[in-house]
Amino acid sequence: TVFGTASSTITESGSPVISFTALFDSEPSSPAHSLYYYLSWFVFFGLLRIVVSVIMQYFKLWTSIRLGRTVHAALLRRLANATPRFFDRTPLGRIISRFSSDMKTLDQEAMMWMFYFLSSVINVILICVIIAATVPLFIVPSILVSLSGYVVMVYYLNASREIKRIESTANAPLLSLYGELTSGATTIRAYGVASRFCAESDKYVDDYNRAFYMTWAMNRWLYVLMDTLGALVSLISALLILYNAEDYTAASAGFTLSYALFFSRAGFWVARCYGDLEIMMNSMERVEQYMKVEQEAPSIIQNCRPPASWPHQGEVVVRDLHARYAPEAPQVI
């Protein structure tokens, strides 16, 4: 054949590309299985992935809906029975923030990021196992790279946690101002102070956007560092393969390097998802705080119910009456 002739001719001439042309052998060894065998396995794993993905999506949506309903019902029930003093000393925007942004985080984002985190962790573990199984010497540098990634993740979490807290704090005054503007629009226009409220609104929006911008800047910073660590993994894998080139085929080397290139993206998502999950738990903590507010006494107290024949006489007797505006305030009566 053409390739067979070219290979023999080049071999006789002593060309340095002999080993390359030898790959194009005119009589390759017969495969152990037919093409339909491999295609059937490919179709099987493809259908299995579709089924598993559908089950995971259904479970994720079901858990998200159940979490949102349970937490929202418990929070609404506790605030509906809260004392009037709680509403006197708590800004309205802070309460709205619990039912809007915090509930949105728990209802729509918490379970989604939980599944992303588990998927990313599994991807990182499988990539490390595949590379270590193909290149056993990779185990030692993989430990160093993992420690470096852990240090980067710690710095990211410490910074992003505080920035997210500032973002949440800056959101409450903006919601409070919006409530004041909608309820007192006629008064604001009557006194001609609309420009002052617009300037105050712009200030709150700038404060919120400043924290929001820093949040995404931290994400890009993490992506650059994790991408650098991923490139380092690819470089180490390639050097180890070249160092022991006689022990690897072209297929195994390409297989290992292709998975090494995915390491940076998988590592980035592990750190990103873990950080976002930890930050989302702050929303759960804030909601939990409002579930512990002081409650009004129940409408019916069984031990203090009057007899069925009450009242016996047409008179009111007051004995040992003490009154105060708050438990920590002095007595006024």
C-alpha atoms as a PDB file:
ATOM      1  CA  THR A   1       0.000   0.000   0.000  1.00  0.00           C
ATOM      2  CA  VAL A   2       0.930   3.682  -0.140  1.00  0.00           C
ATOM      3  CA  PHE A   3       1.590   4.014   3.578  1.00  0.00           C
ATOM      4  CA  GLY A   4       3.436   0.706   3.678  1.00  0.00           C
ATOM      5  CA  THR A   5       5.720   1.751   0.820  1.00  0.00           C
ATOM      6  CA  ALA A   6       6.347   5.148   2.287  1.00  0.00           C
ATOM      7  CA  SER A   7       7.241   3.580   5.590  1.00  0.00           C
ATOM      8  CA  SER A   8       9.736   1.162   4.094  1.00  0.00           C
ATOM      9  CA  THR A   9      11.286   3.788   1.813  1.00  0.00           C
ATOM     10  CA  ILE A  10      11.738   6.238   4.642  1.00  0.00           C
ATOM     11  CA  THR A  11      13.131   3.484   6.791  1.00  0.00           C
ATOM     12  CA  GLU A  12      15.810   2.691   4.265  1.00  0.00           C
ATOM     13  CA  SER A  13      16.733   6.383   3.944  1.00  0.00           C
ATOM     14  CA  GLY A  14      17.180   6.727   7.701  1.00  0.00           C
ATOM     15  CA  SER A  15      14.720   9.580   8.112  1.00  0.00           C
ATOM     16  CA  PRO A  16      13.955  10.664  11.722  1.00  0.00           C
ATOM     17  CA  VAL A  17      10.174  10.274  11.149  1.00  0.00           C
ATOM     18  CA  ILE A  18      10.328   6.496  10.892  1.00  0.00           C
ATOM     19  CA  SER A  19       8.461   5.932  14.161  1.00  0.00           C
ATOM     20  CA  PHE A  20       5.712   8.339  13.083  1.00  0.00           C
ATOM     21  CA  THR A  21       5.069   6.652   9.735  1.00  0.00           C
ATOM     22  CA  ALA A  22       5.169   3.290  11.430  1.00  0.00           C
ATOM     23  CA  LEU A  23       1.849   4.187  13.026  1.00  0.00           C
ATOM     24  CA  PHE A  24       0.193   3.957   9.614  1.00  0.00           C
ATOM     25  CA  ASP A  25       0.653   0.245   9.207  1.00  0.00           C
ATOM     26  CA  SER A  26      -1.132  -1.229   6.230  1.00  0.00           C
ATOM     27  CA  GLU A  27      -2.150  -4.350   8.154  1.00  0.00           C
ATOM     28  CA  PRO A  28      -3.256  -3.341  11.650  1.00  0.00           C
ATOM     29  CA  SER A  29      -4.044  -5.999  14.188  1.00  0.00           C
ATOM     30  CA  SER A  30      -7.717  -6.963  14.292  1.00  0.00           C
ATOM     31  CA  PRO A  31      -9.637  -5.400  17.203  1.00  0.00           C
ATOM     32  CA  ALA A  32     -10.856  -7.591  20.043  1.00  0.00           C
ATOM     33  CA  HIS A  33     -14.458  -6.318  19.640  1.00  0.00           C
ATOM     34  CA  SER A  34     -16.489  -4.941  16.783  1.00  0.00           C
ATOM     35  CA  LEU A  35     -17.508  -1.324  16.326  1.00  0.00           C
ATOM     36  CA  TYR A  36     -21.094  -2.068  17.353  1.00  0.00           C
ATOM     37  CA  TYR A  37     -19.856  -3.394  20.700  1.00  0.00           C
ATOM     38  CA  TYR A  38     -18.253  -0.051  21.607  1.00  0.00           C
ATOM     39  CA  LEU A  39     -21.168   1.938  20.178  1.00  0.00           C
ATOM     40  CA  SER A  40     -23.654  -0.026  22.268  1.00  0.00           C
ATOM     41  CA  TRP A  41     -21.673   0.727  25.443  1.00  0.00           C
ATOM     42  CA  PHE A  42     -21.467   4.385  24.436  1.00  0.00           C
ATOM     43  CA  VAL A  43     -25.251   4.549  23.964  1.00  0.00           C
ATOM     44  CA  PHE A  44     -25.811   2.732  27.259  1.00  0.00           C
ATOM     45  CA  PHE A  45     -23.703   5.190  29.268  1.00  0.00           C
ATOM     46  CA  GLY A  46     -25.311   8.123  27.466  1.00  0.00           C
ATOM     47  CA  LEU A  47     -28.813   6.926  28.375  1.00  0.00           C
ATOM     48  CA  LEU A  48     -27.668   6.176  31.929  1.00  0.00           C
ATOM     49  CA  ARG A  49     -26.374   9.736  32.271  1.00  0.00           C
ATOM     50  CA  ILE A  50     -29.707  11.131  31.040  1.00  0.00           C
ATOM     51  CA  VAL A  51     -31.663   9.051  33.566  1.00  0.00           C
ATOM     52  CA  VAL A  52     -29.357  10.008  36.450  1.00  0.00           C
ATOM     53  CA  SER A  53     -29.502  13.699  35.463  1.00  0.00           C
ATOM     54  CA  VAL A  54     -33.317  13.670  35.369  1.00  0.00           C
ATOM     55  CA  ILE A  55     -33.489  11.990  38.796  1.00  0.00           C
ATOM     56  CA  MET A  56     -31.012  14.476  40.279  1.00  0.00           C
ATOM     57  CA  GLN A  57     -32.875  17.457  38.828  1.00  0.00           C
ATOM     58  CA  TYR A  58     -36.175  16.188  40.198  1.00  0.00           C
ATOM     59  CA  PHE A  59     -34.659  15.558  43.635  1.00  0.00           C
ATOM     60  CA  LYS A  60     -33.023  18.997  43.618  1.00  0.00           C
ATOM     61  CA  LEU A  61     -36.277  20.770  42.758  1.00  0.00           C
ATOM     62  CA  TRP A  62     -38.246  18.738  45.285  1.00  0.00           C
ATOM     63  CA  THR A  63     -35.832  19.478  48.121  1.00  0.00           C
ATOM     64  CA  SER A  64     -35.689  23.185  47.188  1.00  0.00           C
ATOM     65  CA  ILE A  65     -39.476  23.532  47.187  1.00  0.00           C
ATOM     66  CA  ARG A  66     -39.817  21.661  50.463  1.00  0.00           C
ATOM     67  CA  LEU A  67     -37.073  23.711  52.119  1.00  0.00           C
ATOM     68  CA  GLY A  68     -38.591  27.001  50.957  1.00  0.00           C
ATOM     69  CA  ARG A  69     -42.119  26.101  52.081  1.00  0.00           C
ATOM     70  CA  THR A  70     -41.023  24.834  55.488  1.00  0.00           C
ATOM     71  CA  VAL A  71     -38.787  27.783  56.326  1.00  0.00           C
ATOM     72  CA  HIS A  72     -41.204  30.407  54.965  1.00  0.00           C
ATOM     73  CA  ALA A  73     -44.176  28.986  56.878  1.00  0.00           C
ATOM     74  CA  ALA A  74     -42.193  28.807  60.127  1.00  0.00           C
ATOM     75  CA  LEU A  75     -40.840  32.361  59.711  1.00  0.00           C
ATOM     76  CA  LEU A  76     -44.263  33.807  58.864  1.00  0.00           C
ATOM     77  CA  ARG A  77     -45.866  32.058  61.820  1.00  0.00           C
ATOM     78  CA  ARG A  78     -43.250  33.387  64.267  1.00  0.00           C
ATOM     79  CA  LEU A  79     -43.429  36.978  63.007  1.00  0.00           C
ATOM     80  CA  ALA A  80     -47.221  36.940  62.961  1.00  0.00           C
ATOM     81  CA  ASN A  81     -47.164  36.155  66.691  1.00  0.00           C
ATOM     82  CA  ALA A  82     -44.335  38.557  67.552  1.00  0.00           C
ATOM     83  CA  THR A  83     -44.868  41.312  70.089  1.00  0.00           C
ATOM     84  CA  PRO A  84     -45.546  44.898  68.894  1.00  0.00           C
ATOM     85  CA  ARG A  85     -42.297  45.987  70.526  1.00  0.00           C
ATOM     86  CA  PHE A  86     -40.367  43.854  68.027  1.00  0.00           C
ATOM     87  CA  PHE A  87     -41.875  45.784  65.114  1.00  0.00           C
ATOM     88  CA  ASP A  88     -41.226  49.102  66.897  1.00  0.00           C
ATOM     89  CA  ARG A  89     -37.473  48.526  67.155  1.00  0.00           C
ATOM     90  CA  THR A  90     -36.923  46.516  63.935  1.00  0.00           C
ATOM     91  CA  PRO A  91     -36.714  48.405  60.617  1.00  0.00           C
ATOM     92  CA  LEU A  92     -39.250  47.339  58.038  1.00  0.00           C
ATOM     93  CA  GLY A  93     -36.539  46.889  55.402  1.00  0.00           C
ATOM     94  CA  ARG A  94     -34.790  44.306  57.532  1.00  0.00           C
ATOM     95  CA  ILE A  95     -37.979  42.257  57.801  1.00  0.00           C
ATOM     96  CA  ILE A  96     -38.606  42.554  54.061  1.00  0.00           C
ATOM     97  CA  SER A  97     -35.023  41.426  53.422  1.00  0.00           C
ATOM     98  CA  ARG A  98     -35.665  38.205  55.365  1.00  0.00           C
ATOM     99  CA  PHE A  99     -38.715  37.388  53.249  1.00  0.00           C
ATOM    100  CA  SER A 100     -37.139  38.468  49.942  1.00  0.00           C
ATOM    101  CA  SER A 101     -33.395  38.058  49.489  1.00  0.00           C
ATOM    102  CA  ASP A 102     -32.794  35.546  52.295  1.00  0.00           C
ATOM    103  CA  MET A 103     -35.754  33.387  51.326  1.00  0.00           C
ATOM    104  CA  LYS A 104     -34.709  33.592  47.671  1.00  0.00           C
ATOM    105  CA  THR A 105     -31.280  32.292  48.652  1.00  0.00           C
ATOM    106  CA  LEU A 106     -32.722  29.342  50.543  1.00  0.00           C
ATOM    107  CA  ASP A 107     -35.482  28.627  48.052  1.00  0.00           C
ATOM    108  CA  GLN A 108     -33.642  28.894  44.733  1.00  0.00           C
ATOM    109  CA  GLU A 109     -29.892  28.812  45.305  1.00  0.00           C
ATOM    110  CA  ALA A 110     -28.990  26.727  48.358  1.00  0.00           C
ATOM    111  CA  MET A 111     -29.834  23.265  47.023  1.00  0.00           C
ATOM    112  CA  MET A 112     -28.602  24.125  43.529  1.00  0.00           C
ATOM    113  CA  TRP A 113     -25.152  25.088  44.852  1.00  0.00           C
ATOM    114  CA  MET A 114     -25.168  22.045  47.124  1.00  0.00           C
ATOM    115  CA  PHE A 115     -25.535  19.746  44.113  1.00  0.00           C
ATOM    116  CA  TYR A 116     -22.914  21.726  42.177  1.00  0.00           C
ATOM    117  CA  PHE A 117     -20.511  21.352  45.094  1.00  0.00           C
ATOM    118  CA  LEU A 118     -20.997  17.585  45.358  1.00  0.00           C
ATOM    119  CA  SER A 119     -20.625  17.189  41.595  1.00  0.00           C
ATOM    120  CA  SER A 120     -17.427  19.264  41.549  1.00  0.00           C
ATOM    121  CA  VAL A 121     -15.909  17.327  44.453  1.00  0.00           C
ATOM    122  CA  ILE A 122     -16.626  14.041  42.675  1.00  0.00           C
ATOM    123  CA  ASN A 123     -15.056  15.407  39.464  1.00  0.00           C
ATOM    124  CA  VAL A 124     -11.878  16.492  41.273  1.00  0.00           C
ATOM    125  CA  ILE A 125     -11.550  13.129  43.026  1.00  0.00           C
ATOM    126  CA  LEU A 126     -12.061  11.192  39.793  1.00  0.00           C
ATOM    127  CA  ILE A 127      -9.574  13.361  37.894  1.00  0.00           C
ATOM    128  CA  CYS A 128      -6.919  12.851  40.567  1.00  0.00           C
ATOM    129  CA  VAL A 129      -7.594   9.100  40.632  1.00  0.00           C
ATOM    130  CA  ILE A 130      -7.391   8.822  36.833  1.00  0.00           C
ATOM    131  CA  ILE A 131      -4.155  10.795  36.615  1.00  0.00           C
ATOM    132  CA  ALA A 132      -2.611   8.947  39.584  1.00  0.00           C
ATOM    133  CA  ALA A 133      -3.592   5.570  38.105  1.00  0.00           C
ATOM    134  CA  THR A 134      -1.986   6.442  34.777  1.00  0.00           C
ATOM    135  CA  VAL A 135       0.989   8.369  36.200  1.00  0.00           C
ATOM    136  CA  PRO A 136       1.678   7.052  39.750  1.00  0.00           C
ATOM    137  CA  LEU A 137       4.419   9.633  40.299  1.00  0.00           C
ATOM    138  CA  PHE A 138       1.741  12.326  40.129  1.00  0.00           C
ATOM    139  CA  ILE A 139       0.554  11.496  43.675  1.00  0.00           C
ATOM    140  CA  VAL A 140       3.337  13.502  45.358  1.00  0.00           C
ATOM    141  CA  PRO A 141       2.920  16.769  43.400  1.00  0.00           C
ATOM    142  CA  SER A 142      -0.879  16.399  43.565  1.00  0.00           C
ATOM    143  CA  ILE A 143      -0.676  16.657  47.357  1.00  0.00           C
ATOM    144  CA  LEU A 144       1.308  19.909  47.084  1.00  0.00           C
ATOM    145  CA  VAL A 145      -1.120  21.306  44.513  1.00  0.00           C
ATOM    146  CA  SER A 146      -4.088  20.353  46.718  1.00  0.00           C
ATOM    147  CA  LEU A 147      -2.525  22.133  49.713  1.00  0.00           C
ATOM    148  CA  SER A 148      -1.964  25.226  47.569  1.00  0.00           C
ATOM    149  CA  GLY A 149      -5.587  25.117  46.449  1.00  0.00           C
ATOM    150  CA  TYR A 150      -6.716  24.823  50.057  1.00  0.00           C
ATOM    151  CA  VAL A 151      -4.728  27.920  51.024  1.00  0.00           C
ATOM    152  CA  VAL A 152      -6.249  29.851  48.128  1.00  0.00           C
ATOM    153  CA  MET A 153      -9.737  28.711  49.136  1.00  0.00           C
ATOM    154  CA  VAL A 154      -9.205  29.838  52.741  1.00  0.00           C
ATOM    155  CA  TYR A 155      -8.186  33.334  51.603  1.00  0.00           C
ATOM    156  CA  TYR A 156     -11.189  33.448  49.271  1.00  0.00           C
ATOM    157  CA  LEU A 157     -13.633  32.376  51.985  1.00  0.00           C
ATOM    158  CA  ASN A 158     -12.340  34.876  54.533  1.00  0.00           C
ATOM    159  CA  ALA A 159     -12.642  37.759  52.085  1.00  0.00           C
ATOM    160  CA  SER A 160     -15.891  36.772  50.370  1.00  0.00           C
ATOM    161  CA  ARG A 161     -17.659  36.085  53.675  1.00  0.00           C
ATOM    162  CA  GLU A 162     -17.106  39.651  54.881  1.00  0.00           C
ATOM    163  CA  ILE A 163     -17.928  41.172  51.505  1.00  0.00           C
ATOM    164  CA  LYS A 164     -21.183  39.211  51.326  1.00  0.00           C
ATOM    165  CA  ARG A 165     -22.081  40.376  54.835  1.00  0.00           C
ATOM    166  CA  ILE A 166     -21.464  43.987  53.778  1.00  0.00           C
ATOM    167  CA  GLU A 167     -23.629  43.418  50.704  1.00  0.00           C
ATOM    168  CA  SER A 168     -26.476  42.048  52.817  1.00  0.00           C
ATOM    169  CA  THR A 169     -26.138  44.937  55.287  1.00  0.00           C
ATOM    170  CA  ALA A 170     -26.234  47.484  52.459  1.00  0.00           C
ATOM    171  CA  ASN A 171     -29.391  45.927  51.029  1.00  0.00           C
ATOM    172  CA  ALA A 172     -31.602  46.518  54.099  1.00  0.00           C
ATOM    173  CA  PRO A 173     -31.422  50.384  54.120  1.00  0.00           C
ATOM    174  CA  LEU A 174     -32.238  50.407  50.415  1.00  0.00           C
ATOM    175  CA  LEU A 175     -35.393  48.366  50.980  1.00  0.00           C
ATOM    176  CA  SER A 176     -36.374  50.550  53.962  1.00  0.00           C
ATOM    177  CA  LEU A 177     -35.971  53.702  51.902  1.00  0.00           C
ATOM    178  CA  TYR A 178     -38.037  52.209  49.103  1.00  0.00           C
ATOM    179  CA  GLY A 179     -40.861  51.499  51.565  1.00  0.00           C
ATOM    180  CA  GLU A 180     -40.693  55.044  52.901  1.00  0.00           C
ATOM    181  CA  LEU A 181     -40.745  56.526  49.399  1.00  0.00           C
ATOM    182  CA  THR A 182     -43.776  54.495  48.280  1.00  0.00           C
ATOM    183  CA  SER A 183     -45.802  55.249  51.412  1.00  0.00           C
ATOM    184  CA  GLY A 184     -44.854  58.938  51.696  1.00  0.00           C
ATOM    185  CA  ALA A 185     -44.609  59.981  48.054  1.00  0.00           C
ATOM    186  CA  THR A 186     -47.322  62.626  48.354  1.00  0.00           C
ATOM    187  CA  THR A 187     -45.719  64.206  51.450  1.00  0.00           C
ATOM    188  CA  ILE A 188     -42.269  64.239  49.803  1.00  0.00           C
ATOM    189  CA  ARG A 189     -43.663  66.009  46.740  1.00  0.00           C
ATOM    190  CA  ALA A 190     -45.623  68.468  48.848  1.00  0.00           C
ATOM    191  CA  TYR A 191     -42.514  69.600  50.726  1.00  0.00           C
ATOM    192  CA  GLY A 192     -40.365  69.568  47.569  1.00  0.00           C
ATOM    193  CA  VAL A 193     -37.620  67.307  48.998  1.00  0.00           C
ATOM    194  CA  ALA A 194     -37.655  64.697  46.227  1.00  0.00           C
ATOM    195  CA  SER A 195     -34.086  65.575  45.233  1.00  0.00           C
ATOM    196  CA  ARG A 196     -32.816  64.855  48.755  1.00  0.00           C
ATOM    197  CA  PHE A 197     -34.430  61.407  48.768  1.00  0.00           C
ATOM    198  CA  CYS A 198     -33.084  60.706  45.278  1.00  0.00           C
ATOM    199  CA  ALA A 199     -29.568  61.565  46.451  1.00  0.00           C
ATOM    200  CA  GLU A 200     -29.981  59.314  49.479  1.00  0.00           C
ATOM    201  CA  SER A 201     -31.250  56.516  47.261  1.00  0.00           C
ATOM    202  CA  ASP A 202     -28.257  56.907  44.928  1.00  0.00           C
ATOM    203  CA  LYS A 203     -25.931  56.669  47.926  1.00  0.00           C
ATOM    204  CA  TYR A 204     -27.519  53.400  49.108  1.00  0.00           C
ATOM    205  CA  VAL A 205     -27.409  51.989  45.575  1.00  0.00           C
ATOM    206  CA  ASP A 206     -23.710  52.868  45.268  1.00  0.00           C
ATOM    207  CA  ASP A 207     -22.961  51.197  48.592  1.00  0.00           C
ATOM    208  CA  TYR A 208     -24.739  48.040  47.494  1.00  0.00           C
ATOM    209  CA  ASN A 209     -23.146  47.996  44.030  1.00  0.00           C
ATOM    210  CA  ARG A 210     -19.710  48.518  45.562  1.00  0.00           C
ATOM    211  CA  ALA A 211     -20.069  45.329  47.603  1.00  0.00           C
ATOM    212  CA  PHE A 212     -21.624  43.496  44.642  1.00  0.00           C
ATOM    213  CA  TYR A 213     -18.706  44.498  42.414  1.00  0.00           C
ATOM    214  CA  MET A 214     -16.174  43.295  44.972  1.00  0.00           C
ATOM    215  CA  THR A 215     -17.979  39.953  45.174  1.00  0.00           C
ATOM    216  CA  TRP A 216     -17.473  39.323  41.467  1.00  0.00           C
ATOM    217  CA  ALA A 217     -13.919  40.652  41.626  1.00  0.00           C
ATOM    218  CA  MET A 218     -13.187  38.000  44.269  1.00  0.00           C
ATOM    219  CA  ASN A 219     -14.679  35.332  41.990  1.00  0.00           C
ATOM    220  CA  ARG A 220     -12.417  36.375  39.116  1.00  0.00           C
ATOM    221  CA  TRP A 221      -9.408  36.436  41.451  1.00  0.00           C
ATOM    222  CA  LEU A 222     -10.202  32.881  42.526  1.00  0.00           C
ATOM    223  CA  TYR A 223     -10.638  31.770  38.915  1.00  0.00           C
ATOM    224  CA  VAL A 224      -7.214  33.144  37.914  1.00  0.00           C
ATOM    225  CA  LEU A 225      -5.444  31.397  40.785  1.00  0.00           C
ATOM    226  CA  MET A 226      -7.262  28.097  40.267  1.00  0.00           C
ATOM    227  CA  ASP A 227      -6.537  28.306  36.549  1.00  0.00           C
ATOM    228  CA  THR A 228      -2.856  28.770  37.400  1.00  0.00           C
ATOM    229  CA  LEU A 229      -2.939  25.686  39.633  1.00  0.00           C
ATOM    230  CA  GLY A 230      -4.681  23.759  36.843  1.00  0.00           C
ATOM    231  CA  ALA A 231      -1.966  24.756  34.386  1.00  0.00           C
ATOM    232  CA  LEU A 232       0.599  23.598  36.939  1.00  0.00           C
ATOM    233  CA  VAL A 233      -1.146  20.218  37.149  1.00  0.00           C
ATOM    234  CA  SER A 234      -1.084  19.878  33.359  1.00  0.00           C
ATOM    235  CA  LEU A 235       2.599  20.839  33.261  1.00  0.00           C
ATOM    236  CA  ILE A 236       3.552  18.337  35.979  1.00  0.00           C
ATOM    237  CA  SER A 237       1.577  15.582  34.253  1.00  0.00           C
ATOM    238  CA  ALA A 238       3.230  16.309  30.897  1.00  0.00           C
ATOM    239  CA  LEU A 239       6.730  16.373  32.428  1.00  0.00           C
ATOM    240  CA  LEU A 240       6.170  13.089  34.228  1.00  0.00           C
ATOM    241  CA  ILE A 241       4.885  11.470  31.042  1.00  0.00           C
ATOM    242  CA  LEU A 242       7.900  12.728  29.085  1.00  0.00           C
ATOM    243  CA  TYR A 243      10.258  11.549  31.821  1.00  0.00           C
ATOM    244  CA  ASN A 244       8.883   8.011  31.488  1.00  0.00           C
ATOM    245  CA  ALA A 245       7.912   8.156  27.833  1.00  0.00           C
ATOM    246  CA  GLU A 246       8.775   4.505  27.208  1.00  0.00           C
ATOM    247  CA  ASP A 247       6.124   3.409  29.738  1.00  0.00           C
ATOM    248  CA  TYR A 248       3.206   5.231  28.095  1.00  0.00           C
ATOM    249  CA  THR A 249       1.484   5.026  24.768  1.00  0.00           C
ATOM    250  CA  ALA A 250       0.203   8.023  22.854  1.00  0.00           C
ATOM    251  CA  ALA A 251      -3.359   7.089  23.807  1.00  0.00           C
ATOM    252  CA  SER A 252      -2.675   6.903  27.564  1.00  0.00           C
ATOM    253  CA  ALA A 253      -0.665  10.150  27.473  1.00  0.00           C
ATOM    254  CA  GLY A 254      -3.419  12.012  25.643  1.00  0.00           C
ATOM    255  CA  PHE A 255      -6.048  10.514  27.953  1.00  0.00           C
ATOM    256  CA  THR A 256      -4.163  11.718  31.042  1.00  0.00           C
ATOM    257  CA  LEU A 257      -3.470  15.211  29.704  1.00  0.00           C
ATOM    258  CA  SER A 258      -7.075  15.699  28.595  1.00  0.00           C
ATOM    259  CA  TYR A 259      -8.263  15.070  32.156  1.00  0.00           C
ATOM    260  CA  ALA A 260      -5.484  17.206  33.617  1.00  0.00           C
ATOM    261  CA  LEU A 261      -6.814  20.157  31.621  1.00  0.00           C
ATOM    262  CA  PHE A 262     -10.187  19.803  33.388  1.00  0.00           C
ATOM    263  CA  PHE A 263      -8.594  20.041  36.823  1.00  0.00           C
ATOM    264  CA  SER A 264      -8.522  23.842  36.956  1.00  0.00           C
ATOM    265  CA  ARG A 265     -12.221  24.227  36.156  1.00  0.00           C
ATOM    266  CA  ALA A 266     -13.266  21.490  38.587  1.00  0.00           C
ATOM    267  CA  GLY A 267     -11.045  22.917  41.337  1.00  0.00           C
ATOM    268  CA  PHE A 268     -12.434  26.400  40.747  1.00  0.00           C
ATOM    269  CA  TRP A 269     -16.003  25.179  41.128  1.00  0.00           C
ATOM    270  CA  VAL A 270     -15.197  23.276  44.318  1.00  0.00           C
ATOM    271  CA  ALA A 271     -13.832  26.423  45.963  1.00  0.00           C
ATOM    272  CA  ARG A 272     -16.557  28.637  44.475  1.00  0.00           C
ATOM    273  CA  CYS A 273     -19.442  26.358  45.490  1.00  0.00           C
ATOM    274  CA  TYR A 274     -18.082  25.785  48.990  1.00  0.00           C
ATOM    275  CA  GLY A 275     -17.614  29.512  49.529  1.00  0.00           C
ATOM    276  CA  ASP A 276     -21.086  30.349  48.234  1.00  0.00           C
ATOM    277  CA  LEU A 277     -22.652  27.634  50.377  1.00  0.00           C
ATOM    278  CA  GLU A 278     -20.956  28.981  53.470  1.00  0.00           C
ATOM    279  CA  ILE A 279     -22.137  32.474  52.614  1.00  0.00           C
ATOM    280  CA  MET A 280     -25.684  31.219  51.978  1.00  0.00           C
ATOM    281  CA  MET A 281     -25.747  29.756  55.448  1.00  0.00           C
ATOM    282  CA  ASN A 282     -25.599  33.355  56.705  1.00  0.00           C
ATOM    283  CA  SER A 283     -29.087  33.790  55.253  1.00  0.00           C
ATOM    284  CA  MET A 284     -30.215  30.748  57.181  1.00  0.00           C
ATOM    285  CA  GLU A 285     -28.692  32.176  60.361  1.00  0.00           C
ATOM    286  CA  ARG A 286     -30.507  35.494  59.878  1.00  0.00           C
ATOM    287  CA  VAL A 287     -33.808  33.695  59.295  1.00  0.00           C
ATOM    288  CA  GLU A 288     -33.203  31.535  62.355  1.00  0.00           C
ATOM    289  CA  GLN A 289     -32.659  34.661  64.468  1.00  0.00           C
ATOM    290  CA  TYR A 290     -36.115  35.914  63.504  1.00  0.00           C
ATOM    291  CA  MET A 291     -37.584  32.551  64.449  1.00  0.00           C
ATOM    292  CA  LYS A 292     -36.461  33.182  68.034  1.00  0.00           C
ATOM    293  CA  VAL A 293     -38.176  36.548  68.517  1.00  0.00           C
ATOM    294  CA  GLU A 294     -40.327  37.127  71.574  1.00  0.00           C
ATOM    295  CA  GLN A 295     -43.876  35.818  71.087  1.00  0.00           C
ATOM    296  CA  GLU A 296     -47.216  37.044  72.325  1.00  0.00           C
ATOM    297  CA  ALA A 297     -48.924  34.979  74.976  1.00  0.00           C
ATOM    298  CA  PRO A 298     -51.289  32.356  73.562  1.00  0.00           C
ATOM    299  CA  SER A 299     -54.891  33.446  73.118  1.00  0.00           C
ATOM    300  CA  ILE A 300     -56.113  30.746  75.491  1.00  0.00           C
ATOM    301  CA  ILE A 301     -54.194  29.742  78.639  1.00  0.00           C
ATOM    302  CA  GLN A 302     -55.772  26.618  80.034  1.00  0.00           C
ATOM    303  CA  ASN A 303     -54.482  27.087  83.601  1.00  0.00           C
ATOM    304  CA  CYS A 304     -55.825  30.662  83.793  1.00  0.00           C
ATOM    305  CA  ARG A 305     -59.254  30.247  82.230  1.00  0.00           C
ATOM    306  CA  PRO A 306     -62.138  31.592  84.365  1.00  0.00           C
ATOM    307  CA  PRO A 307     -64.958  29.267  85.381  1.00  0.00           C
ATOM    308  CA  ALA A 308     -67.973  28.861  83.151  1.00  0.00           C
ATOM    309  CA  SER A 309     -70.141  30.877  85.563  1.00  0.00           C
ATOM    310  CA  TRP A 310     -67.829  33.944  85.446  1.00  0.00           C
ATOM    311  CA  PRO A 311     -68.479  36.777  86.211  1.00  0.00           C
ATOM    312  CA  HIS A 312     -70.103  36.163  89.581  1.00  0.00           C
ATOM    313  CA  GLN A 313     -70.461  39.851  90.539  1.00  0.00           C
ATOM    314  CA  GLY A 314     -70.479  43.142  88.753  1.00  0.00           C
ATOM    315  CA  GLU A 315     -67.208  44.498  90.143  1.00  0.00           C
ATOM    316  CA  VAL A 316     -63.498  44.612  89.194  1.00  0.00           C
ATOM    317  CA  VAL A 317     -60.880  43.875  91.867  1.00  0.00           C
ATOM    318  CA  VAL A 318     -57.226  44.668  91.151  1.00  0.00           C
ATOM    319  CA  ARG A 319     -54.557  43.192  93.425  1.00  0.00           C
ATOM    320  CA  ASP A 320     -50.733  43.408  93.162  1.00  0.00           C
ATOM    321  CA  LEU A 321     -50.728  45.006  89.702  1.00  0.00           C
ATOM    322  CA  HIS A 322     -47.321  45.883  88.261  1.00  0.00           C
ATOM    323  CA  ALA A 323     -46.765  47.265  84.758  1.00  0.00           C
ATOM    324  CA  ARG A 324     -43.705  48.186  82.671  1.00  0.00           C
ATOM    325  CA  TYR A 325     -43.194  49.007  79.028  1.00  0.00           C
ATOM    326  CA  ALA A 326     -40.543  46.312  78.492  1.00  0.00           C
ATOM    327  CA  PRO A 327     -39.057  43.499  80.580  1.00  0.00           C
ATOM    328  CA  GLU A 328     -35.810  45.458  81.033  1.00  0.00           C
ATOM    329  CA  ALA A 329     -37.577  48.823  81.685  1.00  0.00           C
ATOM    330  CA  PRO A 330     -38.488  50.127  85.170  1.00  0.00           C
ATOM    331  CA  GLN A 331     -41.960  49.713  86.544  1.00  0.00           C
ATOM    332  CA  VAL A 332     -44.406  52.502  85.755  1.00  0.00           C
ATOM    333  CA  ILE A 333     -47.225  51.147  87.973  1.00  0.00           C
END
